[in-house]
PDB file of N, CA and C in Angstrom:
ATOM      1  N   MET A   1     -93.464 -44.462  -1.778  1.00  0.00           N
ATOM      2  CA  MET A   1     -92.112 -44.125  -1.371  1.00  0.00           C
ATOM      3  C   MET A   1     -91.823 -42.682  -1.789  1.00  0.00           C
ATOM      4  N   ARG A   2     -91.163 -41.953  -0.931  1.00  0.00           N
ATOM      5  CA  ARG A   2     -90.831 -40.567  -1.243  1.00  0.00           C
ATOM      6  C   ARG A   2     -89.629 -40.514  -2.174  1.00  0.00           C
ATOM      7  N   ALA A   3     -89.482 -39.369  -2.815  1.00  0.00           N
ATOM      8  CA  ALA A   3     -88.394 -39.196  -3.780  1.00  0.00           C
ATOM      9  C   ALA A   3     -87.031 -39.299  -3.101  1.00  0.00           C
ATOM     10  N   SER A   4     -86.913 -38.805  -1.863  1.00  0.00           N
ATOM     11  CA  SER A   4     -85.624 -38.853  -1.172  1.00  0.00           C
ATOM     12  C   SER A   4     -85.232 -40.293  -0.851  1.00  0.00           C
ATOM     13  N   GLN A   5     -86.224 -41.135  -0.521  1.00  0.00           N
ATOM     14  CA  GLN A   5     -85.932 -42.544  -0.268  1.00  0.00           C
ATOM     15  C   GLN A   5     -85.486 -43.244  -1.548  1.00  0.00           C
ATOM     16  N   GLN A   6     -86.141 -42.941  -2.637  1.00  0.00           N
ATOM     17  CA  GLN A   6     -85.770 -43.543  -3.915  1.00  0.00           C
ATOM     18  C   GLN A   6     -84.361 -43.134  -4.319  1.00  0.00           C
ATOM     19  N   LEU A   7     -84.035 -41.892  -4.092  1.00  0.00           N
ATOM     20  CA  LEU A   7     -82.699 -41.401  -4.417  1.00  0.00           C
ATOM     21  C   LEU A   7     -81.650 -42.106  -3.565  1.00  0.00           C
ATOM     22  N   GLY A   8     -81.929 -42.251  -2.273  1.00  0.00           N
ATOM     23  CA  GLY A   8     -80.985 -42.927  -1.385  1.00  0.00           C
ATOM     24  C   GLY A   8     -80.802 -44.387  -1.758  1.00  0.00           C
ATOM     25  N   ILE A   9     -81.897 -45.083  -2.061  1.00  0.00           N
ATOM     26  CA  ILE A   9     -81.806 -46.488  -2.450  1.00  0.00           C
ATOM     27  C   ILE A   9     -81.053 -46.634  -3.761  1.00  0.00           C
ATOM     28  N   GLY A  10     -81.340 -45.761  -4.698  1.00  0.00           N
ATOM     29  CA  GLY A  10     -80.644 -45.810  -5.985  1.00  0.00           C
ATOM     30  C   GLY A  10     -79.158 -45.534  -5.860  1.00  0.00           C
ATOM     31  N   THR A  11     -78.810 -44.560  -5.033  1.00  0.00           N
ATOM     32  CA  THR A  11     -77.404 -44.228  -4.822  1.00  0.00           C
ATOM     33  C   THR A  11     -76.669 -45.365  -4.130  1.00  0.00           C
ATOM     34  N   THR A  12     -77.285 -45.930  -3.099  1.00  0.00           N
ATOM     35  CA  THR A  12     -76.668 -47.036  -2.372  1.00  0.00           C
ATOM     36  C   THR A  12     -76.494 -48.250  -3.276  1.00  0.00           C
ATOM     37  N   GLY A  13     -77.529 -48.586  -4.020  1.00  0.00           N
ATOM     38  CA  GLY A  13     -77.442 -49.730  -4.932  1.00  0.00           C
ATOM     39  C   GLY A  13     -76.373 -49.542  -5.991  1.00  0.00           C
ATOM     40  N   GLY A  14     -76.298 -48.363  -6.565  1.00  0.00           N
ATOM     41  CA  GLY A  14     -75.279 -48.090  -7.572  1.00  0.00           C
ATOM     42  C   GLY A  14     -73.874 -48.148  -7.001  1.00  0.00           C
ATOM     43  N   THR A  15     -73.707 -47.638  -5.801  1.00  0.00           N
ATOM     44  CA  THR A  15     -72.395 -47.677  -5.154  1.00  0.00           C
ATOM     45  C   THR A  15     -71.971 -49.112  -4.886  1.00  0.00           C
ATOM     46  N   LEU A  16     -72.884 -49.914  -4.331  1.00  0.00           N
ATOM     47  CA  LEU A  16     -72.558 -51.315  -4.036  1.00  0.00           C
ATOM     48  C   LEU A  16     -72.231 -52.093  -5.308  1.00  0.00           C
ATOM     49  N   LEU A  17     -73.005 -51.896  -6.348  1.00  0.00           N
ATOM     50  CA  LEU A  17     -72.720 -52.598  -7.601  1.00  0.00           C
ATOM     51  C   LEU A  17     -71.387 -52.146  -8.207  1.00  0.00           C
ATOM     52  N   GLY A  18     -71.076 -50.878  -8.064  1.00  0.00           N
ATOM     53  CA  GLY A  18     -69.788 -50.379  -8.555  1.00  0.00           C
ATOM     54  C   GLY A  18     -68.617 -50.967  -7.801  1.00  0.00           C
ATOM     55  N   ILE A  19     -68.770 -51.120  -6.484  1.00  0.00           N
ATOM     56  CA  ILE A  19     -67.705 -51.702  -5.669  1.00  0.00           C
ATOM     57  C   ILE A  19     -67.541 -53.182  -5.990  1.00  0.00           C
ATOM     58  N   ILE A  20     -68.658 -53.894  -6.105  1.00  0.00           N
ATOM     59  CA  ILE A  20     -68.592 -55.320  -6.396  1.00  0.00           C
ATOM     60  C   ILE A  20     -67.884 -55.573  -7.733  1.00  0.00           C
ATOM     61  N   GLY A  21     -68.112 -54.696  -8.688  1.00  0.00           N
ATOM     62  CA  GLY A  21     -67.457 -54.839  -9.984  1.00  0.00           C
ATOM     63  C   GLY A  21     -65.954 -54.664  -9.921  1.00  0.00           C
ATOM     64  N   GLN A  22     -65.468 -53.929  -8.937  1.00  0.00           N
ATOM     65  CA  GLN A  22     -64.038 -53.672  -8.813  1.00  0.00           C
ATOM     66  C   GLN A  22     -63.299 -54.715  -7.990  1.00  0.00           C
ATOM     67  N   LEU A  23     -64.028 -55.476  -7.190  1.00  0.00           N
ATOM     68  CA  LEU A  23     -63.392 -56.474  -6.342  1.00  0.00           C
ATOM     69  C   LEU A  23     -63.100 -57.741  -7.137  1.00  0.00           C
ATOM     70  N   GLY A  24     -61.943 -58.272  -6.928  1.00  0.00           N
ATOM     71  CA  GLY A  24     -61.590 -59.538  -7.542  1.00  0.00           C
ATOM     72  C   GLY A  24     -61.725 -60.668  -6.543  1.00  0.00           C
ATOM     73  N   LEU A  25     -61.700 -61.883  -7.033  1.00  0.00           N
ATOM     74  CA  LEU A  25     -61.815 -63.040  -6.171  1.00  0.00           C
ATOM     75  C   LEU A  25     -60.651 -63.091  -5.184  1.00  0.00           C
ATOM     76  N   HIS A  26     -59.474 -62.691  -5.632  1.00  0.00           N
ATOM     77  CA  HIS A  26     -58.290 -62.677  -4.768  1.00  0.00           C
ATOM     78  C   HIS A  26     -58.516 -61.776  -3.555  1.00  0.00           C
ATOM     79  N   ASP A  27     -59.072 -60.600  -3.781  1.00  0.00           N
ATOM     80  CA  ASP A  27     -59.322 -59.664  -2.678  1.00  0.00           C
ATOM     81  C   ASP A  27     -60.336 -60.227  -1.687  1.00  0.00           C
ATOM     82  N   VAL A  28     -61.365 -60.865  -2.190  1.00  0.00           N
ATOM     83  CA  VAL A  28     -62.392 -61.428  -1.315  1.00  0.00           C
ATOM     84  C   VAL A  28     -61.811 -62.563  -0.481  1.00  0.00           C
ATOM     85  N   LEU A  29     -61.027 -63.433  -1.099  1.00  0.00           N
ATOM     86  CA  LEU A  29     -60.419 -64.536  -0.368  1.00  0.00           C
ATOM     87  C   LEU A  29     -59.423 -64.035   0.675  1.00  0.00           C
ATOM     88  N   LYS A  30     -58.646 -63.037   0.307  1.00  0.00           N
ATOM     89  CA  LYS A  30     -57.684 -62.470   1.242  1.00  0.00           C
ATOM     90  C   LYS A  30     -58.396 -61.878   2.451  1.00  0.00           C
ATOM     91  N   THR A  31     -59.479 -61.176   2.227  1.00  0.00           N
ATOM     92  CA  THR A  31     -60.253 -60.598   3.317  1.00  0.00           C
ATOM     93  C   THR A  31     -60.844 -61.684   4.209  1.00  0.00           C
ATOM     94  N   ALA A  32     -61.352 -62.751   3.598  1.00  0.00           N
ATOM     95  CA  ALA A  32     -61.937 -63.844   4.377  1.00  0.00           C
ATOM     96  C   ALA A  32     -60.878 -64.537   5.236  1.00  0.00           C
ATOM     97  N   VAL A  33     -59.695 -64.752   4.689  1.00  0.00           N
ATOM     98  CA  VAL A  33     -58.619 -65.399   5.448  1.00  0.00           C
ATOM     99  C   VAL A  33     -58.172 -64.510   6.604  1.00  0.00           C
ATOM    100  N   LEU A  34     -58.012 -63.231   6.349  1.00  0.00           N
ATOM    101  CA  LEU A  34     -57.595 -62.312   7.411  1.00  0.00           C
ATOM    102  C   LEU A  34     -58.662 -62.210   8.500  1.00  0.00           C
ATOM    103  N   ALA A  35     -59.938 -62.237   8.119  1.00  0.00           N
ATOM    104  CA  ALA A  35     -61.010 -62.201   9.113  1.00  0.00           C
ATOM    105  C   ALA A  35     -60.996 -63.465   9.968  1.00  0.00           C
ATOM    106  N   ALA A  36     -60.758 -64.615   9.345  1.00  0.00           N
ATOM    107  CA  ALA A  36     -60.711 -65.875  10.097  1.00  0.00           C
ATOM    108  C   ALA A  36     -59.528 -65.880  11.069  1.00  0.00           C
ATOM    109  N   ILE A  37     -58.383 -65.401  10.620  1.00  0.00           N
ATOM    110  CA  ILE A  37     -57.210 -65.333  11.499  1.00  0.00           C
ATOM    111  C   ILE A  37     -57.480 -64.388  12.665  1.00  0.00           C
ATOM    112  N   GLY A  38     -58.069 -63.252  12.383  1.00  0.00           N
ATOM    113  CA  GLY A  38     -58.383 -62.293  13.436  1.00  0.00           C
ATOM    114  C   GLY A  38     -59.358 -62.867  14.458  1.00  0.00           C
ATOM    115  N   ALA A  39     -60.366 -63.590  13.993  1.00  0.00           N
ATOM    116  CA  ALA A  39     -61.332 -64.201  14.913  1.00  0.00           C
ATOM    117  C   ALA A  39     -60.665 -65.268  15.765  1.00  0.00           C
ATOM    118  N   ALA A  40     -59.790 -66.066  15.170  1.00  0.00           N
ATOM    119  CA  ALA A  40     -59.110 -67.119  15.924  1.00  0.00           C
ATOM    120  C   ALA A  40     -58.186 -66.525  16.983  1.00  0.00           C
ATOM    121  N   VAL A  41     -57.457 -65.495  16.645  1.00  0.00           N
ATOM    122  CA  VAL A  41     -56.559 -64.848  17.606  1.00  0.00           C
ATOM    123  C   VAL A  41     -57.362 -64.208  18.738  1.00  0.00           C
ATOM    124  N   SER A  42     -58.450 -63.561  18.396  1.00  0.00           N
ATOM    125  CA  SER A  42     -59.295 -62.949  19.414  1.00  0.00           C
ATOM    126  C   SER A  42     -59.850 -64.000  20.370  1.00  0.00           C
ATOM    127  N   PHE A  43     -60.297 -65.123  19.843  1.00  0.00           N
ATOM    128  CA  PHE A  43     -60.819 -66.206  20.673  1.00  0.00           C
ATOM    129  C   PHE A  43     -59.735 -66.760  21.588  1.00  0.00           C
ATOM    130  N   ALA A  44     -58.546 -66.980  21.046  1.00  0.00           N
ATOM    131  CA  ALA A  44     -57.447 -67.529  21.841  1.00  0.00           C
ATOM    132  C   ALA A  44     -57.036 -66.576  22.957  1.00  0.00           C
ATOM    133  N   VAL A  45     -56.957 -65.301  22.668  1.00  0.00           N
ATOM    134  CA  VAL A  45     -56.580 -64.323  23.687  1.00  0.00           C
ATOM    135  C   VAL A  45     -57.639 -64.258  24.778  1.00  0.00           C
ATOM    136  N   THR A  46     -58.899 -64.337  24.396  1.00  0.00           N
ATOM    137  CA  THR A  46     -59.970 -64.343  25.387  1.00  0.00           C
ATOM    138  C   THR A  46     -59.848 -65.538  26.326  1.00  0.00           C
ATOM    139  N   LEU A  47     -59.594 -66.722  25.766  1.00  0.00           N
ATOM    140  CA  LEU A  47     -59.425 -67.905  26.601  1.00  0.00           C
ATOM    141  C   LEU A  47     -58.227 -67.769  27.538  1.00  0.00           C
ATOM    142  N   LEU A  48     -57.123 -67.282  27.020  1.00  0.00           N
ATOM    143  CA  LEU A  48     -55.930 -67.111  27.846  1.00  0.00           C
ATOM    144  C   LEU A  48     -56.159 -66.109  28.975  1.00  0.00           C
ATOM    145  N   LEU A  49     -56.846 -65.018  28.683  1.00  0.00           N
ATOM    146  CA  LEU A  49     -57.115 -64.020  29.722  1.00  0.00           C
ATOM    147  C   LEU A  49     -58.070 -64.561  30.781  1.00  0.00           C
ATOM    148  N   GLN A  50     -59.040 -65.378  30.380  1.00  0.00           N
ATOM    149  CA  GLN A  50     -59.948 -65.981  31.360  1.00  0.00           C
ATOM    150  C   GLN A  50     -59.194 -66.935  32.280  1.00  0.00           C
ATOM    151  N   ARG A  51     -58.326 -67.739  31.718  1.00  0.00           N
ATOM    152  CA  ARG A  51     -57.545 -68.662  32.547  1.00  0.00           C
ATOM    153  C   ARG A  51     -56.605 -67.907  33.470  1.00  0.00           C
ATOM    154  N   TRP A  52     -56.003 -66.860  32.985  1.00  0.00           N
ATOM    155  CA  TRP A  52     -55.098 -66.057  33.794  1.00  0.00           C
ATOM    156  C   TRP A  52     -55.845 -65.387  34.935  1.00  0.00           C
ATOM    157  N   GLN A  53     -57.077 -64.937  34.666  1.00  0.00           N
ATOM    158  CA  GLN A  53     -57.869 -64.263  35.695  1.00  0.00           C
ATOM    159  C   GLN A  53     -58.300 -65.270  36.778  1.00  0.00           C
ATOM    160  N   ARG A  54     -58.597 -66.500  36.410  1.00  0.00           N
ATOM    161  CA  ARG A  54     -59.007 -67.509  37.393  1.00  0.00           C
ATOM    162  C   ARG A  54     -57.870 -67.837  38.356  1.00  0.00           C
ATOM    163  N   ARG A  55     -56.638 -67.816  37.882  1.00  0.00           N
ATOM    164  CA  ARG A  55     -55.483 -68.145  38.715  1.00  0.00           C
ATOM    165  C   ARG A  55     -55.188 -67.050  39.733  1.00  0.00           C
ATOM    166  N   ARG A  56     -55.590 -65.857  39.440  1.00  0.00           N
ATOM    167  CA  ARG A  56     -55.329 -64.729  40.350  1.00  0.00           C
ATOM    168  C   ARG A  56     -56.360 -64.715  41.378  1.00  0.00           C
TER     169      ARG A  56
END
């Protein structure tokens, strides 16, 4: 492995570990709930638009 690859891997790993240390369980759960709501709304809108397009 070249030195530049090692530096990039080390920097990325350190950044990710630093971020994980700052996140709390509350933040992770909040993000998961918001992602689920967003996916459900997106799915519902897609279904509604498909039905609306069939009627036209």
